[in-house]
C-alpha atoms as a PDB file:
ATOM      1  CA  MET A   1      27.790 180.980 100.491  1.00  0.00           C
ATOM      2  CA  GLU A   2      28.724 180.790 104.160  1.00  0.00           C
ATOM      3  CA  LYS A   3      27.697 183.605 106.432  1.00  0.00           C
ATOM      4  CA  LEU A   4      30.314 186.299 106.797  1.00  0.00           C
ATOM      5  CA  SER A   5      31.273 187.855 110.064  1.00  0.00           C
ATOM      6  CA  LEU A   6      33.485 190.872 110.530  1.00  0.00           C
ATOM      7  CA  VAL A   7      36.294 190.351 112.992  1.00  0.00           C
ATOM      8  CA  PRO A   8      36.921 193.266 115.371  1.00  0.00           C
ATOM      9  CA  ASP A   9      40.394 194.372 114.349  1.00  0.00           C
ATOM     10  CA  SER A  10      42.133 197.602 113.456  1.00  0.00           C
ATOM     11  CA  ASN A  11      42.937 196.182 110.038  1.00  0.00           C
ATOM     12  CA  HIS A  12      39.285 195.235 109.310  1.00  0.00           C
ATOM     13  CA  MET A  13      39.009 191.536 108.620  1.00  0.00           C
ATOM     14  CA  PHE A  14      36.177 189.206 107.709  1.00  0.00           C
ATOM     15  CA  GLN A  15      35.646 185.486 108.101  1.00  0.00           C
ATOM     16  CA  LEU A  16      34.986 183.138 105.211  1.00  0.00           C
ATOM     17  CA  GLY A  17      34.606 179.544 106.319  1.00  0.00           C
ATOM     18  CA  LYS A  18      37.722 178.759 108.322  1.00  0.00           C
ATOM     19  CA  THR A  19      39.720 181.693 106.969  1.00  0.00           C
ATOM     20  CA  ILE A  20      40.113 185.189 108.410  1.00  0.00           C
ATOM     21  CA  ILE A  21      40.789 187.608 105.562  1.00  0.00           C
ATOM     22  CA  SER A  22      42.114 191.153 105.598  1.00  0.00           C
ATOM     23  CA  GLU A  23      39.905 193.579 103.677  1.00  0.00           C
ATOM     24  CA  GLU A  24      43.125 194.992 102.235  1.00  0.00           C
ATOM     25  CA  ILE A  25      43.271 192.202  99.654  1.00  0.00           C
ATOM     26  CA  ILE A  26      40.045 193.637  98.241  1.00  0.00           C
ATOM     27  CA  GLU A  27      40.863 197.303  98.837  1.00  0.00           C
ATOM     28  CA  GLN A  28      44.465 197.440  97.632  1.00  0.00           C
ATOM     29  CA  ASP A  29      45.583 197.205  94.001  1.00  0.00           C
ATOM     30  CA  PHE A  30      48.698 195.283  92.978  1.00  0.00           C
ATOM     31  CA  VAL A  31      50.407 194.073  89.794  1.00  0.00           C
ATOM     32  CA  CYS A  32      54.079 193.007  89.896  1.00  0.00           C
ATOM     33  CA  ASN A  33      56.302 195.424  88.001  1.00  0.00           C
ATOM     34  CA  LEU A  34      59.469 193.412  87.412  1.00  0.00           C
ATOM     35  CA  ASN A  35      61.074 196.092  85.268  1.00  0.00           C
ATOM     36  CA  ALA A  36      60.964 198.408  88.282  1.00  0.00           C
ATOM     37  CA  CYS A  37      61.740 196.084  91.197  1.00  0.00           C
ATOM     38  CA  LYS A  38      63.833 193.448  89.342  1.00  0.00           C
ATOM     39  CA  GLY A  39      62.192 190.761  91.506  1.00  0.00           C
ATOM     40  CA  ALA A  40      63.675 192.112  94.729  1.00  0.00           C
ATOM     41  CA  CYS A  41      61.317 190.015  96.894  1.00  0.00           C
ATOM     42  CA  CYS A  42      63.344 186.919  95.933  1.00  0.00           C
ATOM     43  CA  ILE A  43      66.696 188.400  96.942  1.00  0.00           C
ATOM     44  CA  ASP A  44      66.070 190.928  99.736  1.00  0.00           C
ATOM     45  CA  GLY A  45      65.478 190.089 103.352  1.00  0.00           C
ATOM     46  CA  ASP A  46      67.033 187.578 105.726  1.00  0.00           C
ATOM     47  CA  ALA A  47      64.715 184.580 105.345  1.00  0.00           C
ATOM     48  CA  GLY A  48      63.856 182.143 102.578  1.00  0.00           C
ATOM     49  CA  ALA A  49      60.432 181.524 101.095  1.00  0.00           C
ATOM     50  CA  PRO A  50      58.031 179.913 103.611  1.00  0.00           C
ATOM     51  CA  LEU A  51      57.355 176.245 102.868  1.00  0.00           C
ATOM     52  CA  GLU A  52      54.506 173.955 103.824  1.00  0.00           C
ATOM     53  CA  GLU A  53      55.479 170.583 105.291  1.00  0.00           C
ATOM     54  CA  LYS A  54      54.480 168.677 102.134  1.00  0.00           C
ATOM     55  CA  GLU A  55      56.468 171.113  99.995  1.00  0.00           C
ATOM     56  CA  THR A  56      59.723 170.153 101.714  1.00  0.00           C
ATOM     57  CA  GLU A  57      59.231 166.604 100.440  1.00  0.00           C
ATOM     58  CA  ILE A  58      58.378 167.860  96.945  1.00  0.00           C
ATOM     59  CA  LEU A  59      61.587 169.915  96.793  1.00  0.00           C
ATOM     60  CA  VAL A  60      63.686 166.875  97.684  1.00  0.00           C
ATOM     61  CA  ASP A  61      61.873 164.725  95.112  1.00  0.00           C
ATOM     62  CA  ILE A  62      62.253 167.171  92.203  1.00  0.00           C
ATOM     63  CA  TYR A  63      65.648 168.667  93.018  1.00  0.00           C
ATOM     64  CA  SER A  64      67.570 166.549  90.496  1.00  0.00           C
ATOM     65  CA  LYS A  65      65.243 167.817  87.744  1.00  0.00           C
ATOM     66  CA  VAL A  66      65.457 171.432  88.916  1.00  0.00           C
ATOM     67  CA  LYS A  67      69.234 171.486  89.441  1.00  0.00           C
ATOM     68  CA  PRO A  68      70.096 172.145  85.748  1.00  0.00           C
ATOM     69  CA  PHE A  69      68.085 175.384  85.933  1.00  0.00           C
ATOM     70  CA  LEU A  70      69.955 176.785  88.956  1.00  0.00           C
ATOM     71  CA  ARG A  71      73.071 178.918  89.406  1.00  0.00           C
ATOM     72  CA  PRO A  72      76.287 177.353  90.735  1.00  0.00           C
ATOM     73  CA  GLU A  73      75.947 179.525  93.853  1.00  0.00           C
ATOM     74  CA  GLY A  74      72.432 178.213  94.452  1.00  0.00           C
ATOM     75  CA  ILE A  75      73.490 174.603  93.939  1.00  0.00           C
ATOM     76  CA  ALA A  76      76.376 175.072  96.389  1.00  0.00           C
ATOM     77  CA  ALA A  77      74.021 176.532  99.008  1.00  0.00           C
ATOM     78  CA  ILE A  78      71.572 173.648  98.589  1.00  0.00           C
ATOM     79  CA  ASP A  79      74.375 171.068  98.718  1.00  0.00           C
ATOM     80  CA  GLU A  80      75.530 172.617 101.991  1.00  0.00           C
ATOM     81  CA  GLN A  81      72.178 173.394 103.652  1.00  0.00           C
ATOM     82  CA  GLY A  82      69.731 171.027 101.959  1.00  0.00           C
ATOM     83  CA  CYS A  83      66.631 171.804  99.874  1.00  0.00           C
ATOM     84  CA  PHE A  84      64.961 173.385 102.910  1.00  0.00           C
ATOM     85  CA  VAL A  85      65.964 174.783 106.283  1.00  0.00           C
ATOM     86  CA  LYS A  86      64.213 175.672 109.528  1.00  0.00           C
ATOM     87  CA  GLY A  87      63.905 179.433 109.967  1.00  0.00           C
ATOM     88  CA  ASP A  88      64.279 181.502 113.119  1.00  0.00           C
ATOM     89  CA  ASP A  89      60.509 181.261 113.612  1.00  0.00           C
ATOM     90  CA  GLY A  90      60.673 177.468 113.598  1.00  0.00           C
ATOM     91  CA  GLU A  91      58.976 177.191 110.199  1.00  0.00           C
ATOM     92  CA  TRP A  92      60.387 175.550 107.061  1.00  0.00           C
ATOM     93  CA  GLU A  93      61.800 177.804 104.330  1.00  0.00           C
ATOM     94  CA  THR A  94      64.070 177.724 101.287  1.00  0.00           C
ATOM     95  CA  PRO A  95      67.837 178.065 101.872  1.00  0.00           C
ATOM     96  CA  LEU A  96      69.645 181.305 101.057  1.00  0.00           C
ATOM     97  CA  VAL A  97      72.829 182.237  99.214  1.00  0.00           C
ATOM     98  CA  ASN A  98      75.029 184.469 101.398  1.00  0.00           C
ATOM     99  CA  GLY A  99      72.115 185.028 103.788  1.00  0.00           C
ATOM    100  CA  SER A 100      70.286 187.034 101.136  1.00  0.00           C
ATOM    101  CA  GLU A 101      68.804 185.653  97.921  1.00  0.00           C
ATOM    102  CA  CYS A 102      66.824 182.432  97.665  1.00  0.00           C
ATOM    103  CA  ALA A 103      69.004 179.531  96.524  1.00  0.00           C
ATOM    104  CA  PHE A 104      66.497 178.711  93.777  1.00  0.00           C
ATOM    105  CA  VAL A 105      66.818 182.179  92.191  1.00  0.00           C
ATOM    106  CA  THR A 106      68.411 182.764  88.801  1.00  0.00           C
ATOM    107  CA  PHE A 107      68.964 186.011  86.910  1.00  0.00           C
ATOM    108  CA  SER A 108      67.978 187.034  83.389  1.00  0.00           C
ATOM    109  CA  GLU A 109      70.355 188.933  81.120  1.00  0.00           C
ATOM    110  CA  ASN A 110      68.859 192.254  82.199  1.00  0.00           C
ATOM    111  CA  GLY A 111      69.285 191.470  85.892  1.00  0.00           C
ATOM    112  CA  ILE A 112      65.683 190.513  86.685  1.00  0.00           C
ATOM    113  CA  THR A 113      65.363 187.614  89.105  1.00  0.00           C
ATOM    114  CA  LYS A 114      63.710 184.430  87.900  1.00  0.00           C
ATOM    115  CA  CYS A 115      62.672 181.345  89.845  1.00  0.00           C
ATOM    116  CA  GLY A 116      64.585 178.201  88.890  1.00  0.00           C
ATOM    117  CA  LEU A 117      61.699 176.097  90.194  1.00  0.00           C
ATOM    118  CA  GLU A 118      59.233 177.925  87.966  1.00  0.00           C
ATOM    119  CA  GLU A 119      61.588 177.760  84.989  1.00  0.00           C
ATOM    120  CA  ALA A 120      61.852 173.981  85.378  1.00  0.00           C
ATOM    121  CA  TYR A 121      58.046 173.844  85.479  1.00  0.00           C
ATOM    122  CA  ILE A 122      57.680 176.041  82.383  1.00  0.00           C
ATOM    123  CA  GLN A 123      60.188 173.896  80.487  1.00  0.00           C
ATOM    124  CA  GLY A 124      58.226 170.748  81.394  1.00  0.00           C
ATOM    125  CA  ALA A 125      60.909 169.265  83.635  1.00  0.00           C
ATOM    126  CA  THR A 126      58.556 169.193  86.633  1.00  0.00           C
ATOM    127  CA  LYS A 127      54.833 169.438  87.369  1.00  0.00           C
ATOM    128  CA  TRP A 128      55.201 171.680  90.457  1.00  0.00           C
ATOM    129  CA  LYS A 129      55.352 175.420  89.834  1.00  0.00           C
ATOM    130  CA  LYS A 130      56.841 176.854  93.027  1.00  0.00           C
ATOM    131  CA  PRO A 131      56.076 177.195  96.755  1.00  0.00           C
ATOM    132  CA  VAL A 132      52.532 178.400  97.300  1.00  0.00           C
ATOM    133  CA  SER A 133      53.858 181.237  99.488  1.00  0.00           C
ATOM    134  CA  CYS A 134      55.729 182.668  96.469  1.00  0.00           C
ATOM    135  CA  HIS A 135      52.727 182.124  94.209  1.00  0.00           C
ATOM    136  CA  LEU A 136      50.467 183.978  96.666  1.00  0.00           C
ATOM    137  CA  TYR A 137      52.707 186.994  97.253  1.00  0.00           C
ATOM    138  CA  PRO A 138      51.923 189.770  98.335  1.00  0.00           C
ATOM    139  CA  ILE A 139      49.440 187.693 100.334  1.00  0.00           C
ATOM    140  CA  ARG A 140      50.824 185.881 103.353  1.00  0.00           C
ATOM    141  CA  VAL A 141      48.959 182.970 104.936  1.00  0.00           C
ATOM    142  CA  ARG A 142      49.394 181.857 108.534  1.00  0.00           C
ATOM    143  CA  GLN A 143      47.806 178.729 109.967  1.00  0.00           C
ATOM    144  CA  TYR A 144      46.378 178.838 113.489  1.00  0.00           C
ATOM    145  CA  THR A 145      44.708 176.022 115.444  1.00  0.00           C
ATOM    146  CA  GLU A 146      41.179 176.665 114.207  1.00  0.00           C
ATOM    147  CA  LEU A 147      41.552 179.314 111.513  1.00  0.00           C
ATOM    148  CA  THR A 148      43.839 180.421 108.685  1.00  0.00           C
ATOM    149  CA  ALA A 149      44.759 184.123 108.437  1.00  0.00           C
ATOM    150  CA  VAL A 150      45.003 185.638 104.948  1.00  0.00           C
ATOM    151  CA  ASN A 151      46.830 188.977 105.044  1.00  0.00           C
ATOM    152  CA  TYR A 152      48.399 191.541 102.758  1.00  0.00           C
ATOM    153  CA  HIS A 153      52.149 191.831 103.326  1.00  0.00           C
ATOM    154  CA  LYS A 154      53.242 195.435 102.779  1.00  0.00           C
ATOM    155  CA  TRP A 155      56.855 195.892 101.645  1.00  0.00           C
ATOM    156  CA  GLU A 156      58.291 199.119 100.277  1.00  0.00           C
ATOM    157  CA  ILE A 157      60.078 197.319  97.450  1.00  0.00           C
ATOM    158  CA  CYS A 158      56.599 196.584  96.089  1.00  0.00           C
ATOM    159  CA  ASP A 159      55.610 200.254  95.817  1.00  0.00           C
ATOM    160  CA  PRO A 160      55.961 200.072  91.992  1.00  0.00           C
ATOM    161  CA  ALA A 161      53.576 197.080  91.995  1.00  0.00           C
ATOM    162  CA  CYS A 162      51.028 199.058  93.998  1.00  0.00           C
ATOM    163  CA  ALA A 163      51.323 201.959  91.552  1.00  0.00           C
ATOM    164  CA  LEU A 164      50.927 199.683  88.506  1.00  0.00           C
ATOM    165  CA  GLY A 165      48.003 197.879  90.122  1.00  0.00           C
ATOM    166  CA  GLU A 166      46.287 201.186  90.810  1.00  0.00           C
ATOM    167  CA  GLN A 167      46.892 202.271  87.218  1.00  0.00           C
ATOM    168  CA  LEU A 168      45.443 199.019  85.844  1.00  0.00           C
ATOM    169  CA  LYS A 169      42.753 198.813  88.558  1.00  0.00           C
ATOM    170  CA  VAL A 170      43.609 195.237  89.587  1.00  0.00           C
ATOM    171  CA  PRO A 171      42.946 194.418  93.262  1.00  0.00           C
ATOM    172  CA  ILE A 172      45.262 191.986  95.040  1.00  0.00           C
ATOM    173  CA  TYR A 173      42.725 189.149  95.177  1.00  0.00           C
ATOM    174  CA  LYS A 174      42.384 189.229  91.375  1.00  0.00           C
ATOM    175  CA  PHE A 175      46.138 189.471  90.787  1.00  0.00           C
ATOM    176  CA  VAL A 176      46.748 186.281  92.784  1.00  0.00           C
ATOM    177  CA  LYS A 177      43.558 184.478  91.712  1.00  0.00           C
ATOM    178  CA  GLU A 178      45.366 181.374  90.443  1.00  0.00           C
ATOM    179  CA  ALA A 179      47.354 181.050  93.663  1.00  0.00           C
ATOM    180  CA  LEU A 180      44.319 181.581  95.912  1.00  0.00           C
ATOM    181  CA  ILE A 181      42.433 178.858  94.026  1.00  0.00           C
ATOM    182  CA  ARG A 182      45.465 176.603  94.340  1.00  0.00           C
ATOM    183  CA  LYS A 183      45.530 177.175  98.099  1.00  0.00           C
ATOM    184  CA  PHE A 184      41.840 177.317  99.007  1.00  0.00           C
ATOM    185  CA  GLY A 185      39.888 175.938  96.024  1.00  0.00           C
ATOM    186  CA  THR A 186      37.474 177.307  93.421  1.00  0.00           C
ATOM    187  CA  LYS A 187      34.445 177.354  95.752  1.00  0.00           C
ATOM    188  CA  TRP A 188      36.279 179.463  98.323  1.00  0.00           C
ATOM    189  CA  TYR A 189      37.458 181.895  95.645  1.00  0.00           C
ATOM    190  CA  ALA A 190      33.964 182.213  94.168  1.00  0.00           C
ATOM    191  CA  GLU A 191      32.696 183.145  97.636  1.00  0.00           C
ATOM    192  CA  LEU A 192      35.505 185.674  97.989  1.00  0.00           C
ATOM    193  CA  GLU A 193      34.461 187.254  94.684  1.00  0.00           C
ATOM    194  CA  LEU A 194      30.901 187.637  95.977  1.00  0.00           C
ATOM    195  CA  VAL A 195      32.222 189.300  99.123  1.00  0.00           C
ATOM    196  CA  ALA A 196      34.336 191.666  97.015  1.00  0.00           C
ATOM    197  CA  GLU A 197      31.315 192.584  94.890  1.00  0.00           C
ATOM    198  CA  GLU A 198      29.291 193.405  97.996  1.00  0.00           C
ATOM    199  CA  TYR A 199      32.228 195.248  99.536  1.00  0.00           C
ATOM    200  CA  THR A 200      32.671 197.517  96.524  1.00  0.00           C
ATOM    201  CA  LYS A 201      29.003 198.534  96.744  1.00  0.00           C
ATOM    202  CA  LEU A 202      29.474 199.904 100.246  1.00  0.00           C
END
């Protein structure tokens, strides 16, 4: 395990390899409560899901296979804007319908949002689940020149998820384990678990 170093910051962060991690992902509990929030993170806000450069190419490649799983409104938005757009911050993101919900969103009969990309994956139409930024949420990752920041993104619409996580005693890093391994690898995650174990002893 690589030596840890605490980074002087009001939010308390530590370094693991080339990542700077907020202690909040160990401290805070979180489990999505779709019955309460209805998947609001996919439809609220004014920006699409952040995309990595390689993911823009994946979206173009698989779009024909994903299209049957999307809503007409989403298809129209993608036909007009493309499978990805450049956001106000200069980063790639998914296009939106009416400047609100992600174009790849669908809705279940009870009004809960679903991801058309993930549905295509579940049905075996594709081998790519969804953007890693969606998979990681409520963790947000930002790449800097030398280091990658791993932070907890607080959003009031996720208050029910915080309450459910606290009830079930599931910290954020465990809730998004699969996504963290997808992003950083099994070795990195195993080291994070050791840090969390030491942290909880303090």
